[in-house]
Amino acid sequence: MNDSTGAVPHRVFDPAALAARRRRARLLGAEPFLLERVAEDLADRLAAVNRRFPLAADIGTPSGELAATLRGHPGIGRLVSVGPPERPDAEIAFDGEILPLAPASLDLAVSALAFQSVNDLPGLLAQIRRALKPDGLLLAALFGAGTLAELREAFAIAESETTGGISPRVAPFADLRDLGGLVQRAGLALPVTDIDRVVVRYANPLALFNDLRRMGATNPLADRLRTPLRRATLARLFEVYSERFADADGRLRATFEIAWISGWAPHESQQQPLRPGSAKARLADALRVEEGKLPGH
């Protein structure tokens, strides 16, 4: 989409590269442990909501783990998979930018580990808000800012020492506070955000790289270098990672930060903030102090 000047906005992620990486992951044999964890957690979170959702959509999730977990969930009637074209079981194709759903058509929208690679996340959240019926719920998990912090630091040091500069190697992920603001900006009420940090240990960086390939999570940045990684840079990366992020047994830590966001399409039944000046009692009376004075003053 062009802005009012006719200029094309900068795209952080390359959709074609992202699709190619997901196809390669299936050929290699997908590594689903993070998606399975998120799917189970999401099912548990829905179980705590005392509501039934007749029509739900799984939006953007790169594979079928979430849909498989939620089908038969007592709180969900029908679940529709709205996924990337390369996802075999997707019932509705979704390119990550334009959501093909009618306004006020959903009772529930869920997503697992997909929104972090959307170029226009505020726009997508606004589209989901429009697709939700009043009092409909969005519940989604995406990679947060601390994801692969160890790899990002090791890459930065290794490249700066061996090439004299730093290139985009690890995707930028959103901070939790920013995500809460985006949920509100999209027009969703009662926003909630929280973090689940998962630390995985590997024998060496190559084992981490292999898992990332099988997750379809290797570098999809539009500004990524198209040249192979230098051998000297890779060797220095291994050294830095082992020096800084190894446990006592020599295994290396890799952090995956899973950010959870939720919000409700506004409805008159929801709790509303009090209007200014509508309080029935004075704060000074509750604290048992004189007006204009704080305790101890």
C-alpha atoms as a PDB file:
ATOM      1  CA  MET A   1       0.000   0.000   0.000  1.00  0.00           C
ATOM      2  CA  ASN A   2       1.347   3.429  -0.943  1.00  0.00           C
ATOM      3  CA  ASP A   3       1.254   6.434   1.355  1.00  0.00           C
ATOM      4  CA  SER A   4      -0.219   9.827   0.394  1.00  0.00           C
ATOM      5  CA  THR A   5       3.008  10.824  -1.380  1.00  0.00           C
ATOM      6  CA  GLY A   6       2.910   7.779  -3.605  1.00  0.00           C
ATOM      7  CA  ALA A   7       6.066   6.320  -2.055  1.00  0.00           C
ATOM      8  CA  VAL A   8       6.188   2.613  -1.262  1.00  0.00           C
ATOM      9  CA  PRO A   9       6.842   2.127   2.495  1.00  0.00           C
ATOM     10  CA  HIS A  10       9.957   0.217   3.563  1.00  0.00           C
ATOM     11  CA  ARG A  11       9.357  -3.495   4.049  1.00  0.00           C
ATOM     12  CA  VAL A  12      11.322  -5.069   6.883  1.00  0.00           C
ATOM     13  CA  PHE A  13      10.508  -8.659   5.887  1.00  0.00           C
ATOM     14  CA  ASP A  14      10.707 -10.347   2.495  1.00  0.00           C
ATOM     15  CA  PRO A  15       7.471 -12.387   2.072  1.00  0.00           C
ATOM     16  CA  ALA A  16       8.936 -14.499  -0.742  1.00  0.00           C
ATOM     17  CA  ALA A  17      11.945 -15.430   1.400  1.00  0.00           C
ATOM     18  CA  LEU A  18       9.692 -16.233   4.342  1.00  0.00           C
ATOM     19  CA  ALA A  19       7.542 -18.538   2.188  1.00  0.00           C
ATOM     20  CA  ALA A  20      10.643 -20.247   0.776  1.00  0.00           C
ATOM     21  CA  ARG A  21      12.008 -20.867   4.263  1.00  0.00           C
ATOM     22  CA  ARG A  22       8.729 -22.425   5.376  1.00  0.00           C
ATOM     23  CA  ARG A  23       8.688 -24.725   2.348  1.00  0.00           C
ATOM     24  CA  ARG A  24      12.269 -25.753   3.066  1.00  0.00           C
ATOM     25  CA  ALA A  25      11.366 -26.474   6.687  1.00  0.00           C
ATOM     26  CA  ARG A  26       8.704 -28.958   5.601  1.00  0.00           C
ATOM     27  CA  LEU A  27      11.146 -30.669   3.231  1.00  0.00           C
ATOM     28  CA  LEU A  28      13.764 -30.940   5.991  1.00  0.00           C
ATOM     29  CA  GLY A  29      11.207 -32.131   8.551  1.00  0.00           C
ATOM     30  CA  ALA A  30       9.651 -29.338  10.585  1.00  0.00           C
ATOM     31  CA  GLU A  31      10.726 -28.784  14.192  1.00  0.00           C
ATOM     32  CA  PRO A  32       7.444 -28.005  16.003  1.00  0.00           C
ATOM     33  CA  PHE A  33       8.415 -27.916  19.686  1.00  0.00           C
ATOM     34  CA  LEU A  34       7.821 -24.173  20.126  1.00  0.00           C
ATOM     35  CA  LEU A  35       4.530 -24.223  18.184  1.00  0.00           C
ATOM     36  CA  GLU A  36       3.360 -27.214  20.227  1.00  0.00           C
ATOM     37  CA  ARG A  37       4.197 -25.401  23.458  1.00  0.00           C
ATOM     38  CA  VAL A  38       2.334 -22.279  22.324  1.00  0.00           C
ATOM     39  CA  ALA A  39      -0.664 -24.311  21.151  1.00  0.00           C
ATOM     40  CA  GLU A  40      -1.001 -26.065  24.510  1.00  0.00           C
ATOM     41  CA  ASP A  41      -0.599 -22.770  26.381  1.00  0.00           C
ATOM     42  CA  LEU A  42      -3.198 -21.066  24.192  1.00  0.00           C
ATOM     43  CA  ALA A  43      -5.663 -23.908  24.785  1.00  0.00           C
ATOM     44  CA  ASP A  44      -5.141 -23.540  28.539  1.00  0.00           C
ATOM     45  CA  ARG A  45      -5.698 -19.778  28.359  1.00  0.00           C
ATOM     46  CA  LEU A  46      -8.931 -20.262  26.446  1.00  0.00           C
ATOM     47  CA  ALA A  47     -10.104 -22.816  29.010  1.00  0.00           C
ATOM     48  CA  ALA A  48      -9.841 -20.096  31.664  1.00  0.00           C
ATOM     49  CA  VAL A  49     -12.243 -17.854  29.688  1.00  0.00           C
ATOM     50  CA  ASN A  50     -15.835 -18.581  30.672  1.00  0.00           C
ATOM     51  CA  ARG A  51     -17.124 -18.176  27.137  1.00  0.00           C
ATOM     52  CA  ARG A  52     -18.018 -20.211  24.087  1.00  0.00           C
ATOM     53  CA  PHE A  53     -16.851 -19.000  20.674  1.00  0.00           C
ATOM     54  CA  PRO A  54     -19.062 -20.344  17.858  1.00  0.00           C
ATOM     55  CA  LEU A  55     -16.689 -19.297  15.054  1.00  0.00           C
ATOM     56  CA  ALA A  56     -12.932 -18.946  15.466  1.00  0.00           C
ATOM     57  CA  ALA A  57     -10.082 -18.353  13.014  1.00  0.00           C
ATOM     58  CA  ASP A  58      -6.452 -19.437  13.295  1.00  0.00           C
ATOM     59  CA  ILE A  59      -4.742 -16.511  11.560  1.00  0.00           C
ATOM     60  CA  GLY A  60      -1.305 -16.769   9.994  1.00  0.00           C
ATOM     61  CA  THR A  61       0.064 -19.685  12.030  1.00  0.00           C
ATOM     62  CA  PRO A  62       2.692 -21.242   9.733  1.00  0.00           C
ATOM     63  CA  SER A  63       1.643 -24.874  10.290  1.00  0.00           C
ATOM     64  CA  GLY A  64      -1.174 -26.965  11.713  1.00  0.00           C
ATOM     65  CA  GLU A  65      -0.167 -27.519  15.355  1.00  0.00           C
ATOM     66  CA  LEU A  66      -2.461 -24.839  16.779  1.00  0.00           C
ATOM     67  CA  ALA A  67      -5.492 -25.894  14.703  1.00  0.00           C
ATOM     68  CA  ALA A  68      -4.944 -29.551  15.654  1.00  0.00           C
ATOM     69  CA  THR A  69      -4.809 -28.649  19.354  1.00  0.00           C
ATOM     70  CA  LEU A  70      -7.885 -26.418  19.300  1.00  0.00           C
ATOM     71  CA  ARG A  71     -10.189 -28.608  17.229  1.00  0.00           C
ATOM     72  CA  GLY A  72     -12.526 -30.246  19.722  1.00  0.00           C
ATOM     73  CA  HIS A  73     -11.801 -27.582  22.363  1.00  0.00           C
ATOM     74  CA  PRO A  74     -15.000 -27.251  24.436  1.00  0.00           C
ATOM     75  CA  GLY A  75     -14.992 -23.463  24.100  1.00  0.00           C
ATOM     76  CA  ILE A  76     -14.814 -23.430  20.300  1.00  0.00           C
ATOM     77  CA  GLY A  77     -17.492 -24.291  17.768  1.00  0.00           C
ATOM     78  CA  ARG A  78     -15.967 -24.153  14.286  1.00  0.00           C
ATOM     79  CA  LEU A  79     -12.301 -23.304  13.691  1.00  0.00           C
ATOM     80  CA  VAL A  80     -11.191 -21.986  10.288  1.00  0.00           C
ATOM     81  CA  SER A  81      -7.503 -22.027   9.303  1.00  0.00           C
ATOM     82  CA  VAL A  82      -6.487 -18.754   7.630  1.00  0.00           C
ATOM     83  CA  GLY A  83      -2.876 -19.450   6.783  1.00  0.00           C
ATOM     84  CA  PRO A  84      -0.045 -18.719   4.371  1.00  0.00           C
ATOM     85  CA  PRO A  85      -0.464 -20.234   0.906  1.00  0.00           C
ATOM     86  CA  GLU A  86       2.374 -22.703   1.547  1.00  0.00           C
ATOM     87  CA  ARG A  87       0.520 -24.207   4.531  1.00  0.00           C
ATOM     88  CA  PRO A  88      -1.121 -27.401   3.179  1.00  0.00           C
ATOM     89  CA  ASP A  89      -4.132 -27.468   5.518  1.00  0.00           C
ATOM     90  CA  ALA A  90      -5.047 -23.765   5.228  1.00  0.00           C
ATOM     91  CA  GLU A  91      -8.717 -23.359   4.312  1.00  0.00           C
ATOM     92  CA  ILE A  92      -8.289 -19.678   3.406  1.00  0.00           C
ATOM     93  CA  ALA A  93      -5.043 -18.340   1.935  1.00  0.00           C
ATOM     94  CA  PHE A  94      -3.546 -15.350   3.742  1.00  0.00           C
ATOM     95  CA  ASP A  95      -0.506 -13.442   2.490  1.00  0.00           C
ATOM     96  CA  GLY A  96       0.297 -11.895   5.870  1.00  0.00           C
ATOM     97  CA  GLU A  97      -0.954  -8.416   4.984  1.00  0.00           C
ATOM     98  CA  ILE A  98      -4.562  -8.409   3.699  1.00  0.00           C
ATOM     99  CA  LEU A  99      -6.929 -10.417   5.891  1.00  0.00           C
ATOM    100  CA  PRO A 100      -9.673 -12.036   3.757  1.00  0.00           C
ATOM    101  CA  LEU A 101     -12.416 -11.999   6.407  1.00  0.00           C
ATOM    102  CA  ALA A 102     -15.719 -10.130   6.498  1.00  0.00           C
ATOM    103  CA  PRO A 103     -16.329  -7.449   9.146  1.00  0.00           C
ATOM    104  CA  ALA A 104     -17.879  -8.660  12.420  1.00  0.00           C
ATOM    105  CA  SER A 105     -17.657 -12.302  11.325  1.00  0.00           C
ATOM    106  CA  LEU A 106     -15.542 -13.891  14.089  1.00  0.00           C
ATOM    107  CA  ASP A 107     -16.078 -14.633  17.752  1.00  0.00           C
ATOM    108  CA  LEU A 108     -12.413 -15.516  18.290  1.00  0.00           C
ATOM    109  CA  ALA A 109      -9.115 -14.877  16.478  1.00  0.00           C
ATOM    110  CA  VAL A 110      -6.004 -16.820  17.502  1.00  0.00           C
ATOM    111  CA  SER A 111      -2.467 -16.974  16.130  1.00  0.00           C
ATOM    112  CA  ALA A 112       0.795 -18.715  17.007  1.00  0.00           C
ATOM    113  CA  LEU A 113       4.276 -17.420  16.160  1.00  0.00           C
ATOM    114  CA  ALA A 114       3.305 -15.582  12.983  1.00  0.00           C
ATOM    115  CA  PHE A 115       2.730 -11.896  13.699  1.00  0.00           C
ATOM    116  CA  GLN A 116       6.431 -11.139  14.337  1.00  0.00           C
ATOM    117  CA  SER A 117       7.127 -11.350  10.583  1.00  0.00           C
ATOM    118  CA  VAL A 118       4.248  -9.125   9.397  1.00  0.00           C
ATOM    119  CA  ASN A 119       5.403  -5.879   7.793  1.00  0.00           C
ATOM    120  CA  ASP A 120       2.374  -3.883   8.965  1.00  0.00           C
ATOM    121  CA  LEU A 121       1.423  -5.322  12.347  1.00  0.00           C
ATOM    122  CA  PRO A 122      -0.678  -2.283  13.398  1.00  0.00           C
ATOM    123  CA  GLY A 123      -2.637  -2.635  10.160  1.00  0.00           C
ATOM    124  CA  LEU A 124      -3.153  -6.367  10.648  1.00  0.00           C
ATOM    125  CA  LEU A 125      -4.384  -5.894  14.232  1.00  0.00           C
ATOM    126  CA  ALA A 126      -6.838  -3.258  12.984  1.00  0.00           C
ATOM    127  CA  GLN A 127      -8.096  -5.717  10.354  1.00  0.00           C
ATOM    128  CA  ILE A 128      -8.579  -8.381  13.034  1.00  0.00           C
ATOM    129  CA  ARG A 129     -10.470  -5.860  15.148  1.00  0.00           C
ATOM    130  CA  ARG A 130     -12.836  -5.247  12.217  1.00  0.00           C
ATOM    131  CA  ALA A 131     -13.287  -8.991  11.664  1.00  0.00           C
ATOM    132  CA  LEU A 132     -14.296  -9.586  15.293  1.00  0.00           C
ATOM    133  CA  LYS A 133     -17.890  -9.378  16.431  1.00  0.00           C
ATOM    134  CA  PRO A 134     -18.575  -7.093  19.409  1.00  0.00           C
ATOM    135  CA  ASP A 135     -17.069  -8.765  22.477  1.00  0.00           C
ATOM    136  CA  GLY A 136     -14.972 -11.021  20.254  1.00  0.00           C
ATOM    137  CA  LEU A 137     -11.512 -11.989  21.487  1.00  0.00           C
ATOM    138  CA  LEU A 138      -8.026 -11.833  19.960  1.00  0.00           C
ATOM    139  CA  LEU A 139      -5.449 -14.127  21.585  1.00  0.00           C
ATOM    140  CA  ALA A 140      -2.043 -14.445  19.932  1.00  0.00           C
ATOM    141  CA  ALA A 141       1.564 -15.373  20.642  1.00  0.00           C
ATOM    142  CA  LEU A 142       4.550 -14.010  18.743  1.00  0.00           C
ATOM    143  CA  PHE A 143       8.294 -13.824  19.256  1.00  0.00           C
ATOM    144  CA  GLY A 144       9.262 -10.975  21.579  1.00  0.00           C
ATOM    145  CA  ALA A 145      12.256  -8.655  21.765  1.00  0.00           C
ATOM    146  CA  GLY A 146      14.468 -11.036  23.757  1.00  0.00           C
ATOM    147  CA  THR A 147      14.294 -13.848  21.209  1.00  0.00           C
ATOM    148  CA  LEU A 148      17.723 -15.108  20.118  1.00  0.00           C
ATOM    149  CA  ALA A 149      19.432 -12.339  22.070  1.00  0.00           C
ATOM    150  CA  GLU A 150      22.516 -14.538  22.435  1.00  0.00           C
ATOM    151  CA  LEU A 151      22.769 -15.168  18.697  1.00  0.00           C
ATOM    152  CA  ARG A 152      22.229 -11.498  17.904  1.00  0.00           C
ATOM    153  CA  GLU A 153      25.067 -10.451  20.244  1.00  0.00           C
ATOM    154  CA  ALA A 154      27.439 -13.139  19.005  1.00  0.00           C
ATOM    155  CA  PHE A 155      26.780 -12.210  15.374  1.00  0.00           C
ATOM    156  CA  ALA A 156      27.335  -8.511  16.074  1.00  0.00           C
ATOM    157  CA  ILE A 157      30.694  -9.120  17.751  1.00  0.00           C
ATOM    158  CA  ALA A 158      31.889 -11.662  15.178  1.00  0.00           C
ATOM    159  CA  GLU A 159      30.980  -9.503  12.173  1.00  0.00           C
ATOM    160  CA  SER A 160      32.362  -6.283  13.607  1.00  0.00           C
ATOM    161  CA  GLU A 161      35.688  -7.993  14.336  1.00  0.00           C
ATOM    162  CA  THR A 162      36.022  -9.854  11.025  1.00  0.00           C
ATOM    163  CA  THR A 163      34.379  -7.481   8.524  1.00  0.00           C
ATOM    164  CA  GLY A 164      34.424  -4.101  10.261  1.00  0.00           C
ATOM    165  CA  GLY A 165      30.624  -3.781  10.186  1.00  0.00           C
ATOM    166  CA  ILE A 166      27.314  -5.360  11.155  1.00  0.00           C
ATOM    167  CA  SER A 167      24.710  -6.679   8.723  1.00  0.00           C
ATOM    168  CA  PRO A 168      21.066  -7.605   9.479  1.00  0.00           C
ATOM    169  CA  ARG A 169      21.209 -11.246  10.550  1.00  0.00           C
ATOM    170  CA  VAL A 170      18.463 -11.671  13.182  1.00  0.00           C
ATOM    171  CA  ALA A 171      14.987 -10.193  12.763  1.00  0.00           C
ATOM    172  CA  PRO A 172      13.967  -7.349  15.107  1.00  0.00           C
ATOM    173  CA  PHE A 173      11.163  -8.365  17.462  1.00  0.00           C
ATOM    174  CA  ALA A 174       8.677  -6.102  19.209  1.00  0.00           C
ATOM    175  CA  ASP A 175       8.974  -5.042  22.850  1.00  0.00           C
ATOM    176  CA  LEU A 176       6.128  -6.107  25.143  1.00  0.00           C
ATOM    177  CA  ARG A 177       5.196  -2.502  26.022  1.00  0.00           C
ATOM    178  CA  ASP A 178       4.996  -1.618  22.339  1.00  0.00           C
ATOM    179  CA  LEU A 179       2.739  -4.597  21.689  1.00  0.00           C
ATOM    180  CA  GLY A 180       0.323  -3.484  24.403  1.00  0.00           C
ATOM    181  CA  GLY A 181       0.137  -0.076  22.767  1.00  0.00           C
ATOM    182  CA  LEU A 182      -0.504  -1.626  19.354  1.00  0.00           C
ATOM    183  CA  VAL A 183      -3.408  -3.657  20.725  1.00  0.00           C
ATOM    184  CA  GLN A 184      -4.994  -0.485  22.102  1.00  0.00           C
ATOM    185  CA  ARG A 185      -4.244   1.455  18.929  1.00  0.00           C
ATOM    186  CA  ALA A 186      -6.095  -1.208  16.921  1.00  0.00           C
ATOM    187  CA  GLY A 187      -9.237  -0.410  18.919  1.00  0.00           C
ATOM    188  CA  LEU A 188      -9.270  -3.499  21.127  1.00  0.00           C
ATOM    189  CA  ALA A 189     -10.425  -3.146  24.722  1.00  0.00           C
ATOM    190  CA  LEU A 190      -9.048  -4.665  27.944  1.00  0.00           C
ATOM    191  CA  PRO A 191      -5.581  -5.389  26.464  1.00  0.00           C
ATOM    192  CA  VAL A 192      -3.329  -7.850  28.292  1.00  0.00           C
ATOM    193  CA  THR A 193       0.284  -8.737  27.503  1.00  0.00           C
ATOM    194  CA  ASP A 194       2.748 -11.103  29.153  1.00  0.00           C
ATOM    195  CA  ILE A 195       5.952 -13.004  28.402  1.00  0.00           C
ATOM    196  CA  ASP A 196       6.951 -16.664  28.444  1.00  0.00           C
ATOM    197  CA  ARG A 197      10.717 -17.167  28.167  1.00  0.00           C
ATOM    198  CA  VAL A 198      11.926 -20.510  26.876  1.00  0.00           C
ATOM    199  CA  VAL A 199      15.639 -21.308  27.159  1.00  0.00           C
ATOM    200  CA  VAL A 200      16.807 -24.156  24.930  1.00  0.00           C
ATOM    201  CA  ARG A 201      20.285 -25.647  25.254  1.00  0.00           C
ATOM    202  CA  TYR A 202      22.355 -26.800  22.291  1.00  0.00           C
ATOM    203  CA  ALA A 203      25.601 -28.695  21.861  1.00  0.00           C
ATOM    204  CA  ASN A 204      26.865 -26.048  19.414  1.00  0.00           C
ATOM    205  CA  PRO A 205      25.604 -23.179  17.236  1.00  0.00           C
ATOM    206  CA  LEU A 206      25.162 -25.500  14.240  1.00  0.00           C
ATOM    207  CA  ALA A 207      22.497 -27.417  16.164  1.00  0.00           C
ATOM    208  CA  LEU A 208      20.680 -24.119  16.804  1.00  0.00           C
ATOM    209  CA  PHE A 209      20.960 -23.163  13.121  1.00  0.00           C
ATOM    210  CA  ASN A 210      19.521 -26.554  12.161  1.00  0.00           C
ATOM    211  CA  ASP A 211      16.499 -26.030  14.437  1.00  0.00           C
ATOM    212  CA  LEU A 212      15.948 -22.539  13.023  1.00  0.00           C
ATOM    213  CA  ARG A 213      15.951 -23.942   9.481  1.00  0.00           C
ATOM    214  CA  ARG A 214      13.457 -26.625  10.465  1.00  0.00           C
ATOM    215  CA  MET A 215      11.258 -23.943  12.055  1.00  0.00           C
ATOM    216  CA  GLY A 216      11.376 -21.863   8.874  1.00  0.00           C
ATOM    217  CA  ALA A 217      12.862 -19.132  11.064  1.00  0.00           C
ATOM    218  CA  THR A 218      16.121 -18.252   9.364  1.00  0.00           C
ATOM    219  CA  ASN A 219      16.780 -14.708   8.171  1.00  0.00           C
ATOM    220  CA  PRO A 220      13.770 -13.339   6.186  1.00  0.00           C
ATOM    221  CA  LEU A 221      14.851  -9.686   6.297  1.00  0.00           C
ATOM    222  CA  ALA A 222      14.460  -7.692   3.113  1.00  0.00           C
ATOM    223  CA  ASP A 223      17.858  -6.009   3.709  1.00  0.00           C
ATOM    224  CA  ARG A 224      19.739  -9.244   4.425  1.00  0.00           C
ATOM    225  CA  LEU A 225      23.052  -9.880   2.672  1.00  0.00           C
ATOM    226  CA  ARG A 226      22.745 -12.235  -0.283  1.00  0.00           C
ATOM    227  CA  THR A 227      26.359 -13.409   0.018  1.00  0.00           C
ATOM    228  CA  PRO A 228      27.392 -16.466   2.075  1.00  0.00           C
ATOM    229  CA  LEU A 229      28.638 -15.948   5.612  1.00  0.00           C
ATOM    230  CA  ARG A 230      32.432 -15.673   5.718  1.00  0.00           C
ATOM    231  CA  ARG A 231      34.249 -18.649   7.195  1.00  0.00           C
ATOM    232  CA  ALA A 232      36.210 -16.368   9.540  1.00  0.00           C
ATOM    233  CA  THR A 233      32.985 -14.737  10.751  1.00  0.00           C
ATOM    234  CA  LEU A 234      31.367 -18.121  11.400  1.00  0.00           C
ATOM    235  CA  ALA A 235      34.431 -19.342  13.316  1.00  0.00           C
ATOM    236  CA  ARG A 236      34.477 -16.198  15.457  1.00  0.00           C
ATOM    237  CA  LEU A 237      30.711 -16.519  16.035  1.00  0.00           C
ATOM    238  CA  PHE A 238      31.246 -20.008  17.453  1.00  0.00           C
ATOM    239  CA  GLU A 239      33.992 -18.699  19.757  1.00  0.00           C
ATOM    240  CA  VAL A 240      31.952 -15.752  21.043  1.00  0.00           C
ATOM    241  CA  TYR A 241      28.846 -17.865  21.607  1.00  0.00           C
ATOM    242  CA  SER A 242      30.841 -20.438  23.595  1.00  0.00           C
ATOM    243  CA  GLU A 243      32.659 -17.759  25.600  1.00  0.00           C
ATOM    244  CA  ARG A 244      29.551 -15.829  26.596  1.00  0.00           C
ATOM    245  CA  PHE A 245      26.580 -18.181  26.602  1.00  0.00           C
ATOM    246  CA  ALA A 246      27.783 -21.643  27.655  1.00  0.00           C
ATOM    247  CA  ASP A 247      26.638 -23.379  30.825  1.00  0.00           C
ATOM    248  CA  ALA A 248      29.016 -25.283  33.101  1.00  0.00           C
ATOM    249  CA  ASP A 249      28.534 -28.464  31.048  1.00  0.00           C
ATOM    250  CA  GLY A 250      29.507 -26.660  27.835  1.00  0.00           C
ATOM    251  CA  ARG A 251      26.036 -26.580  26.292  1.00  0.00           C
ATOM    252  CA  LEU A 252      24.923 -23.265  24.783  1.00  0.00           C
ATOM    253  CA  ARG A 253      21.797 -21.293  25.713  1.00  0.00           C
ATOM    254  CA  ALA A 254      19.332 -19.890  23.198  1.00  0.00           C
ATOM    255  CA  THR A 255      16.405 -17.808  24.448  1.00  0.00           C
ATOM    256  CA  PHE A 256      13.025 -17.736  22.741  1.00  0.00           C
ATOM    257  CA  GLU A 257      10.806 -15.024  24.205  1.00  0.00           C
ATOM    258  CA  ILE A 258       7.128 -15.668  23.513  1.00  0.00           C
ATOM    259  CA  ALA A 259       5.024 -12.526  23.856  1.00  0.00           C
ATOM    260  CA  TRP A 260       1.302 -13.007  24.482  1.00  0.00           C
ATOM    261  CA  ILE A 261      -1.262 -10.386  23.506  1.00  0.00           C
ATOM    262  CA  SER A 262      -5.016 -10.332  23.949  1.00  0.00           C
ATOM    263  CA  GLY A 263      -7.825  -7.852  23.560  1.00  0.00           C
ATOM    264  CA  TRP A 264     -11.580  -7.714  23.093  1.00  0.00           C
ATOM    265  CA  ALA A 265     -13.650  -5.998  20.448  1.00  0.00           C
ATOM    266  CA  PRO A 266     -15.541  -3.287  22.380  1.00  0.00           C
ATOM    267  CA  HIS A 267     -18.987  -4.114  23.734  1.00  0.00           C
ATOM    268  CA  GLU A 268     -21.289  -2.315  26.144  1.00  0.00           C
ATOM    269  CA  SER A 269     -21.185  -5.240  28.595  1.00  0.00           C
ATOM    270  CA  GLN A 270     -17.459  -4.767  29.249  1.00  0.00           C
ATOM    271  CA  GLN A 271     -16.154  -2.999  32.314  1.00  0.00           C
ATOM    272  CA  GLN A 272     -15.746   0.710  31.556  1.00  0.00           C
ATOM    273  CA  PRO A 273     -13.366   3.210  33.210  1.00  0.00           C
ATOM    274  CA  LEU A 274     -15.026   5.658  35.566  1.00  0.00           C
ATOM    275  CA  ARG A 275     -15.701   9.149  34.281  1.00  0.00           C
ATOM    276  CA  PRO A 276     -13.507  11.865  35.832  1.00  0.00           C
ATOM    277  CA  GLY A 277     -15.228  13.305  38.885  1.00  0.00           C
ATOM    278  CA  SER A 278     -17.600  10.367  39.326  1.00  0.00           C
ATOM    279  CA  ALA A 279     -15.967   8.940  42.477  1.00  0.00           C
ATOM    280  CA  LYS A 280     -18.266   8.554  45.477  1.00  0.00           C
ATOM    281  CA  ALA A 281     -15.553   9.003  48.139  1.00  0.00           C
ATOM    282  CA  ARG A 282     -12.514  11.232  48.590  1.00  0.00           C
ATOM    283  CA  LEU A 283      -8.996   9.738  48.574  1.00  0.00           C
ATOM    284  CA  ALA A 284      -8.134  11.899  51.589  1.00  0.00           C
ATOM    285  CA  ASP A 285     -10.961  10.278  53.601  1.00  0.00           C
ATOM    286  CA  ALA A 286      -9.773   6.792  52.637  1.00  0.00           C
ATOM    287  CA  LEU A 287      -6.214   7.625  53.771  1.00  0.00           C
ATOM    288  CA  ARG A 288      -7.500   9.464  56.861  1.00  0.00           C
ATOM    289  CA  VAL A 289      -5.432  12.593  56.155  1.00  0.00           C
ATOM    290  CA  GLU A 290      -6.228  16.214  55.565  1.00  0.00           C
ATOM    291  CA  GLU A 291      -6.937  17.268  51.991  1.00  0.00           C
ATOM    292  CA  GLY A 292      -3.700  18.293  50.253  1.00  0.00           C
ATOM    293  CA  LYS A 293      -1.433  16.464  52.722  1.00  0.00           C
ATOM    294  CA  LEU A 294       0.287  13.100  52.427  1.00  0.00           C
ATOM    295  CA  PRO A 295       0.842  10.782  55.371  1.00  0.00           C
ATOM    296  CA  GLY A 296       4.027  11.729  57.231  1.00  0.00           C
ATOM    297  CA  HIS A 297       3.912  15.373  56.024  1.00  0.00           C
END
